[in-house]
Amino acid sequence: MGKDYSRLEKIVGYKTWSDKKKIDELLKIDCDMYTNLGIDSTSKDRSEVKKTSKYIYRAIQKMDPIIGKSLLFYAD
């Protein structure tokens, strides 16, 4: 995914989606990113995924502070 957060911002900005649906979609993207990492991934790839993941968790925290805070607390 890299530093292009436009897809994430687009999901957060949807007016017709409930917060639960937005959080589910953001967590799905987060899961896909970590699933696509492998033993051939560079340390740069891993750090980019980690940064994007924290960005996702901060976005979730704006919608649901309890879940977002927990995710950020337990992130490496």
N, C-alpha and C. Protein backbone atom coordinates (compact mmCIF):
# COMPACT_ATOMS: atom_id res chain seq x y z
N MET A 1 0.83 -1.19 0.00
CA MET A 1 0.00 0.00 0.00
C MET A 1 0.87 1.24 0.00
N GLY A 2 1.97 1.23 0.74
CA GLY A 2 2.86 2.38 0.71
C GLY A 2 2.29 3.60 1.42
N LYS A 3 2.73 4.76 0.98
CA LYS A 3 2.31 5.99 1.64
C LYS A 3 1.08 6.62 1.02
N ASP A 4 0.44 5.91 0.10
CA ASP A 4 -0.77 6.42 -0.53
C ASP A 4 -1.97 6.07 0.35
N TYR A 5 -2.38 7.02 1.15
CA TYR A 5 -3.47 6.79 2.09
C TYR A 5 -4.82 7.23 1.53
N SER A 6 -4.89 7.56 0.25
CA SER A 6 -6.14 8.08 -0.32
C SER A 6 -7.26 7.04 -0.23
N ARG A 7 -6.93 5.77 -0.42
CA ARG A 7 -7.96 4.73 -0.32
C ARG A 7 -8.52 4.65 1.10
N LEU A 8 -7.64 4.77 2.08
CA LEU A 8 -8.07 4.72 3.48
C LEU A 8 -8.92 5.94 3.83
N GLU A 9 -8.48 7.10 3.38
CA GLU A 9 -9.23 8.33 3.65
C GLU A 9 -10.60 8.30 2.98
N LYS A 10 -10.66 7.68 1.81
CA LYS A 10 -11.93 7.57 1.09
C LYS A 10 -12.91 6.72 1.89
N ILE A 11 -12.42 5.61 2.45
CA ILE A 11 -13.28 4.73 3.25
C ILE A 11 -13.77 5.45 4.49
N VAL A 12 -12.89 6.18 5.18
CA VAL A 12 -13.27 6.91 6.38
C VAL A 12 -14.29 8.00 6.06
N GLY A 13 -14.22 8.56 4.87
CA GLY A 13 -15.10 9.65 4.49
C GLY A 13 -16.47 9.24 3.99
N TYR A 14 -16.72 7.95 3.80
CA TYR A 14 -18.03 7.51 3.32
C TYR A 14 -19.12 7.92 4.30
N LYS A 15 -20.12 8.61 3.78
CA LYS A 15 -21.23 9.07 4.62
C LYS A 15 -22.30 8.00 4.80
N THR A 16 -22.44 7.12 3.81
CA THR A 16 -23.52 6.13 3.86
C THR A 16 -23.14 4.86 4.62
N TRP A 17 -21.85 4.68 4.91
CA TRP A 17 -21.41 3.50 5.66
C TRP A 17 -21.45 3.78 7.15
N SER A 18 -21.81 2.76 7.91
CA SER A 18 -21.77 2.88 9.37
C SER A 18 -20.31 2.80 9.82
N ASP A 19 -20.07 3.26 11.05
CA ASP A 19 -18.71 3.19 11.59
C ASP A 19 -18.22 1.75 11.66
N LYS A 20 -19.12 0.83 11.99
CA LYS A 20 -18.74 -0.58 12.07
C LYS A 20 -18.27 -1.08 10.71
N LYS A 21 -18.96 -0.74 9.65
CA LYS A 21 -18.59 -1.18 8.32
C LYS A 21 -17.24 -0.58 7.91
N LYS A 22 -17.04 0.69 8.26
CA LYS A 22 -15.76 1.34 7.95
C LYS A 22 -14.61 0.66 8.69
N ILE A 23 -14.82 0.38 9.97
CA ILE A 23 -13.78 -0.28 10.78
C ILE A 23 -13.50 -1.67 10.24
N ASP A 24 -14.54 -2.40 9.87
CA ASP A 24 -14.35 -3.74 9.31
C ASP A 24 -13.52 -3.69 8.03
N GLU A 25 -13.80 -2.74 7.16
CA GLU A 25 -13.07 -2.62 5.90
C GLU A 25 -11.61 -2.22 6.15
N LEU A 26 -11.39 -1.29 7.08
CA LEU A 26 -10.03 -0.88 7.40
C LEU A 26 -9.23 -2.04 7.99
N LEU A 27 -9.85 -2.82 8.86
CA LEU A 27 -9.16 -3.97 9.45
C LEU A 27 -8.89 -5.05 8.41
N LYS A 28 -9.77 -5.17 7.44
CA LYS A 28 -9.55 -6.12 6.34
C LYS A 28 -8.32 -5.71 5.53
N ILE A 29 -8.20 -4.43 5.25
CA ILE A 29 -7.03 -3.92 4.52
C ILE A 29 -5.77 -4.18 5.34
N ASP A 30 -5.84 -3.93 6.64
CA ASP A 30 -4.70 -4.16 7.53
C ASP A 30 -4.29 -5.63 7.50
N CYS A 31 -5.26 -6.50 7.58
CA CYS A 31 -5.00 -7.94 7.55
C CYS A 31 -4.36 -8.34 6.22
N ASP A 32 -4.88 -7.83 5.12
CA ASP A 32 -4.32 -8.15 3.80
C ASP A 32 -2.87 -7.71 3.69
N MET A 33 -2.55 -6.55 4.24
CA MET A 33 -1.17 -6.07 4.17
C MET A 33 -0.23 -7.02 4.89
N TYR A 34 -0.59 -7.43 6.11
CA TYR A 34 0.27 -8.33 6.87
C TYR A 34 0.31 -9.73 6.25
N THR A 35 -0.78 -10.17 5.64
CA THR A 35 -0.81 -11.48 5.00
C THR A 35 0.10 -11.51 3.79
N ASN A 36 0.23 -10.39 3.10
CA ASN A 36 1.07 -10.34 1.90
C ASN A 36 2.56 -10.21 2.20
N LEU A 37 2.91 -9.98 3.46
CA LEU A 37 4.32 -9.97 3.82
C LEU A 37 4.82 -11.42 3.86
N GLY A 38 6.03 -11.61 3.43
CA GLY A 38 6.59 -12.96 3.44
C GLY A 38 8.06 -12.91 3.83
N ILE A 39 8.70 -14.05 3.72
CA ILE A 39 10.11 -14.10 4.09
C ILE A 39 10.97 -13.34 3.09
N ASP A 40 10.43 -13.08 1.90
CA ASP A 40 11.18 -12.33 0.90
C ASP A 40 10.95 -10.82 1.01
N SER A 41 10.13 -10.38 1.95
CA SER A 41 9.85 -8.96 2.14
C SER A 41 11.05 -8.26 2.78
N THR A 42 11.33 -7.07 2.30
CA THR A 42 12.46 -6.31 2.86
C THR A 42 12.04 -5.63 4.15
N SER A 43 13.02 -5.14 4.88
CA SER A 43 12.71 -4.42 6.12
C SER A 43 11.95 -3.13 5.81
N LYS A 44 12.21 -2.54 4.63
CA LYS A 44 11.48 -1.35 4.22
C LYS A 44 10.00 -1.69 4.02
N ASP A 45 9.71 -2.83 3.39
CA ASP A 45 8.33 -3.26 3.20
C ASP A 45 7.64 -3.44 4.55
N ARG A 46 8.32 -4.07 5.48
CA ARG A 46 7.74 -4.31 6.80
C ARG A 46 7.47 -3.00 7.55
N SER A 47 8.39 -2.06 7.44
CA SER A 47 8.20 -0.78 8.14
C SER A 47 7.07 0.02 7.50
N GLU A 48 6.92 -0.06 6.17
CA GLU A 48 5.82 0.63 5.50
C GLU A 48 4.47 0.06 5.93
N VAL A 49 4.40 -1.26 6.05
CA VAL A 49 3.16 -1.90 6.50
C VAL A 49 2.85 -1.47 7.93
N LYS A 50 3.87 -1.40 8.76
CA LYS A 50 3.68 -0.99 10.15
C LYS A 50 3.18 0.45 10.24
N LYS A 51 3.74 1.35 9.43
CA LYS A 51 3.31 2.75 9.42
C LYS A 51 1.87 2.87 8.94
N THR A 52 1.55 2.15 7.88
CA THR A 52 0.18 2.18 7.36
C THR A 52 -0.79 1.61 8.37
N SER A 53 -0.37 0.57 9.06
CA SER A 53 -1.20 -0.05 10.08
C SER A 53 -1.51 0.94 11.21
N LYS A 54 -0.52 1.67 11.64
CA LYS A 54 -0.75 2.67 12.70
C LYS A 54 -1.67 3.78 12.20
N TYR A 55 -1.54 4.14 10.93
CA TYR A 55 -2.44 5.14 10.34
C TYR A 55 -3.87 4.63 10.38
N ILE A 56 -4.05 3.36 10.05
CA ILE A 56 -5.38 2.75 10.09
C ILE A 56 -5.92 2.76 11.51
N TYR A 57 -5.08 2.41 12.49
CA TYR A 57 -5.54 2.37 13.87
C TYR A 57 -5.92 3.75 14.38
N ARG A 58 -5.19 4.78 13.95
CA ARG A 58 -5.56 6.15 14.34
C ARG A 58 -6.89 6.56 13.72
N ALA A 59 -7.13 6.14 12.49
CA ALA A 59 -8.41 6.43 11.84
C ALA A 59 -9.55 5.72 12.58
N ILE A 60 -9.30 4.49 12.99
CA ILE A 60 -10.30 3.74 13.76
C ILE A 60 -10.54 4.41 15.10
N GLN A 61 -9.49 4.94 15.71
CA GLN A 61 -9.62 5.60 17.01
C GLN A 61 -10.54 6.81 16.93
N LYS A 62 -10.57 7.49 15.80
CA LYS A 62 -11.46 8.64 15.63
C LYS A 62 -12.92 8.21 15.60
N MET A 63 -13.18 7.00 15.08
CA MET A 63 -14.55 6.50 15.00
C MET A 63 -14.98 5.80 16.28
N ASP A 64 -14.07 5.01 16.86
CA ASP A 64 -14.34 4.28 18.09
C ASP A 64 -13.09 4.35 18.97
N PRO A 65 -13.07 5.30 19.90
CA PRO A 65 -11.87 5.52 20.71
C PRO A 65 -11.39 4.30 21.49
N ILE A 66 -12.29 3.48 21.97
CA ILE A 66 -11.88 2.33 22.78
C ILE A 66 -11.14 1.30 21.93
N ILE A 67 -11.70 0.94 20.80
CA ILE A 67 -11.06 -0.04 19.92
C ILE A 67 -9.75 0.52 19.38
N GLY A 68 -9.77 1.76 18.91
CA GLY A 68 -8.58 2.37 18.35
C GLY A 68 -7.44 2.47 19.35
N LYS A 69 -7.77 2.86 20.57
CA LYS A 69 -6.75 2.96 21.61
C LYS A 69 -6.15 1.61 21.93
N SER A 70 -6.98 0.58 21.98
CA SER A 70 -6.49 -0.78 22.23
C SER A 70 -5.58 -1.26 21.12
N LEU A 71 -5.97 -1.01 19.87
CA LEU A 71 -5.14 -1.43 18.75
C LEU A 71 -3.79 -0.71 18.76
N LEU A 72 -3.79 0.57 19.05
CA LEU A 72 -2.54 1.31 19.09
C LEU A 72 -1.67 0.86 20.25
N PHE A 73 -2.30 0.52 21.37
CA PHE A 73 -1.54 0.07 22.54
C PHE A 73 -0.81 -1.24 22.26
N TYR A 74 -1.51 -2.16 21.58
CA TYR A 74 -0.93 -3.47 21.34
C TYR A 74 -0.11 -3.56 20.05
N ALA A 75 -0.06 -2.50 19.27
CA ALA A 75 0.79 -2.49 18.08
C ALA A 75 2.24 -2.48 18.51
N ASP A 76 3.07 -3.12 17.77
CA ASP A 76 4.50 -3.20 18.13
C ASP A 76 5.12 -1.85 18.17
